[in-house]
Amino acid sequence: MFLDHPTLTATNSLTEPDRIERLTRVYGYVVALADVAGKPTFIEKVSQLHDHKGTLIVFWHDAPTEEEKVYFTQAWASKMGDGSTNVEHEV
């Protein structure tokens, strides 16, 4: 079992707690995509997810591949996420 999950933060999370819940759903979606793709160490690369006013910012321990970036875009654009493709990556 993996215990070092990324930190989930959001702008205005105290007044809009649903933003953290949304990040939890998106994180699960992304991890499932990586699992299906056969990338079991993917989860160890992600440091933090932050929702900044509808833009998902993904912080990485290690540089992601283009495929790994797409997992977040797909999840954020889904009904689990924000419904947009506003995703930024920081290493």
C-alpha atoms as a PDB file:
ATOM      1  CA  MET A   1       0.000   0.000   0.000  1.00  0.00           C
ATOM      2  CA  PHE A   2       1.307   3.454  -0.951  1.00  0.00           C
ATOM      3  CA  LEU A   3       1.036   6.029   1.857  1.00  0.00           C
ATOM      4  CA  ASP A   4       2.877   9.080   0.526  1.00  0.00           C
ATOM      5  CA  HIS A   5       0.023  10.592  -1.483  1.00  0.00           C
ATOM      6  CA  PRO A   6       0.334  14.145  -2.807  1.00  0.00           C
ATOM      7  CA  THR A   7      -0.845  17.131  -0.842  1.00  0.00           C
ATOM      8  CA  LEU A   8      -4.182  18.524  -2.048  1.00  0.00           C
ATOM      9  CA  THR A   9      -4.683  22.284  -1.756  1.00  0.00           C
ATOM     10  CA  ALA A  10      -7.033  24.850  -3.240  1.00  0.00           C
ATOM     11  CA  THR A  11      -7.495  28.585  -3.338  1.00  0.00           C
ATOM     12  CA  ASN A  12     -10.421  29.486  -1.049  1.00  0.00           C
ATOM     13  CA  SER A  13     -10.621  25.916   0.283  1.00  0.00           C
ATOM     14  CA  LEU A  14     -12.003  27.128   3.628  1.00  0.00           C
ATOM     15  CA  THR A  15     -15.030  28.770   2.016  1.00  0.00           C
ATOM     16  CA  GLU A  16     -15.282  26.294  -0.887  1.00  0.00           C
ATOM     17  CA  PRO A  17     -14.475  22.830   0.550  1.00  0.00           C
ATOM     18  CA  ASP A  18     -15.827  21.137  -2.573  1.00  0.00           C
ATOM     19  CA  ARG A  19     -12.581  22.084  -4.327  1.00  0.00           C
ATOM     20  CA  ILE A  20     -10.615  19.615  -2.174  1.00  0.00           C
ATOM     21  CA  GLU A  21     -13.234  16.935  -2.798  1.00  0.00           C
ATOM     22  CA  ARG A  22     -12.894  17.547  -6.540  1.00  0.00           C
ATOM     23  CA  LEU A  23      -9.104  17.163  -6.316  1.00  0.00           C
ATOM     24  CA  THR A  24      -9.578  13.863  -4.478  1.00  0.00           C
ATOM     25  CA  ARG A  25     -11.789  12.565  -7.303  1.00  0.00           C
ATOM     26  CA  VAL A  26      -9.360  13.780  -9.979  1.00  0.00           C
ATOM     27  CA  TYR A  27      -6.431  12.172  -8.178  1.00  0.00           C
ATOM     28  CA  GLY A  28      -8.261   8.839  -8.081  1.00  0.00           C
ATOM     29  CA  TYR A  29      -9.110   9.124 -11.776  1.00  0.00           C
ATOM     30  CA  VAL A  30      -5.473   9.867 -12.686  1.00  0.00           C
ATOM     31  CA  VAL A  31      -4.090   7.011 -10.591  1.00  0.00           C
ATOM     32  CA  ALA A  32      -6.569   4.625 -12.229  1.00  0.00           C
ATOM     33  CA  LEU A  33      -5.473   5.768 -15.708  1.00  0.00           C
ATOM     34  CA  ALA A  34      -1.826   5.201 -14.792  1.00  0.00           C
ATOM     35  CA  ASP A  35      -2.627   1.801 -13.301  1.00  0.00           C
ATOM     36  CA  VAL A  36      -4.448   0.676 -16.440  1.00  0.00           C
ATOM     37  CA  ALA A  37      -1.504   1.920 -18.522  1.00  0.00           C
ATOM     38  CA  GLY A  38       0.839  -0.271 -16.462  1.00  0.00           C
ATOM     39  CA  LYS A  39       2.708   2.581 -14.746  1.00  0.00           C
ATOM     40  CA  PRO A  40       2.830   1.520 -11.086  1.00  0.00           C
ATOM     41  CA  THR A  41       5.561   4.025 -10.102  1.00  0.00           C
ATOM     42  CA  PHE A  42       3.700   7.007 -11.574  1.00  0.00           C
ATOM     43  CA  ILE A  43       2.105   7.816  -8.216  1.00  0.00           C
ATOM     44  CA  GLU A  44       5.532   8.437  -6.661  1.00  0.00           C
ATOM     45  CA  LYS A  45       6.280  11.297  -9.079  1.00  0.00           C
ATOM     46  CA  VAL A  46       3.409  13.576  -8.008  1.00  0.00           C
ATOM     47  CA  SER A  47       4.067  15.952  -5.097  1.00  0.00           C
ATOM     48  CA  GLN A  48       1.003  18.194  -4.908  1.00  0.00           C
ATOM     49  CA  LEU A  49      -2.256  19.047  -6.663  1.00  0.00           C
ATOM     50  CA  HIS A  50      -3.566  22.588  -6.352  1.00  0.00           C
ATOM     51  CA  ASP A  51      -6.836  24.029  -7.633  1.00  0.00           C
ATOM     52  CA  HIS A  52      -6.235  27.705  -8.343  1.00  0.00           C
ATOM     53  CA  LYS A  53      -9.588  29.195  -9.293  1.00  0.00           C
ATOM     54  CA  GLY A  54     -10.387  26.393 -11.743  1.00  0.00           C
ATOM     55  CA  THR A  55      -6.850  25.782 -12.980  1.00  0.00           C
ATOM     56  CA  LEU A  56      -5.272  22.522 -11.881  1.00  0.00           C
ATOM     57  CA  ILE A  57      -1.605  22.923 -10.999  1.00  0.00           C
ATOM     58  CA  VAL A  58       0.331  19.671 -10.705  1.00  0.00           C
ATOM     59  CA  PHE A  59       3.628  19.738  -8.820  1.00  0.00           C
ATOM     60  CA  TRP A  60       6.067  16.938  -9.599  1.00  0.00           C
ATOM     61  CA  HIS A  61       9.035  15.423  -7.763  1.00  0.00           C
ATOM     62  CA  ASP A  62      10.344  14.165 -11.130  1.00  0.00           C
ATOM     63  CA  ALA A  63       9.644  15.435 -14.635  1.00  0.00           C
ATOM     64  CA  PRO A  64       6.533  13.822 -16.134  1.00  0.00           C
ATOM     65  CA  THR A  65       6.229  12.300 -19.584  1.00  0.00           C
ATOM     66  CA  GLU A  66       3.755  13.798 -22.044  1.00  0.00           C
ATOM     67  CA  GLU A  67       1.531  10.745 -21.492  1.00  0.00           C
ATOM     68  CA  GLU A  68       1.507  11.395 -17.737  1.00  0.00           C
ATOM     69  CA  LYS A  69       0.538  15.025 -18.288  1.00  0.00           C
ATOM     70  CA  VAL A  70      -2.383  13.867 -20.430  1.00  0.00           C
ATOM     71  CA  TYR A  71      -3.771  11.812 -17.516  1.00  0.00           C
ATOM     72  CA  PHE A  72      -4.320  15.050 -15.604  1.00  0.00           C
ATOM     73  CA  THR A  73      -5.800  16.898 -18.562  1.00  0.00           C
ATOM     74  CA  GLN A  74      -8.214  14.033 -19.188  1.00  0.00           C
ATOM     75  CA  ALA A  75      -9.241  13.812 -15.533  1.00  0.00           C
ATOM     76  CA  TRP A  76      -9.618  17.582 -15.078  1.00  0.00           C
ATOM     77  CA  ALA A  77     -11.732  17.840 -18.245  1.00  0.00           C
ATOM     78  CA  SER A  78     -14.041  15.041 -17.089  1.00  0.00           C
ATOM     79  CA  LYS A  79     -17.143  15.329 -14.928  1.00  0.00           C
ATOM     80  CA  MET A  80     -14.942  14.349 -11.984  1.00  0.00           C
ATOM     81  CA  GLY A  81     -12.931  17.549 -12.462  1.00  0.00           C
ATOM     82  CA  ASP A  82     -13.569  21.098 -13.563  1.00  0.00           C
ATOM     83  CA  GLY A  83     -14.731  20.289 -17.082  1.00  0.00           C
ATOM     84  CA  SER A  84     -11.878  22.312 -18.582  1.00  0.00           C
ATOM     85  CA  THR A  85      -8.392  21.631 -19.871  1.00  0.00           C
ATOM     86  CA  ASN A  86      -6.774  24.316 -17.693  1.00  0.00           C
ATOM     87  CA  VAL A  87      -3.844  22.289 -16.347  1.00  0.00           C
ATOM     88  CA  GLU A  88      -0.336  23.506 -15.548  1.00  0.00           C
ATOM     89  CA  HIS A  89       2.705  21.459 -14.521  1.00  0.00           C
ATOM     90  CA  GLU A  90       5.547  22.483 -12.216  1.00  0.00           C
ATOM     91  CA  VAL A  91       8.659  20.375 -11.610  1.00  0.00           C
END
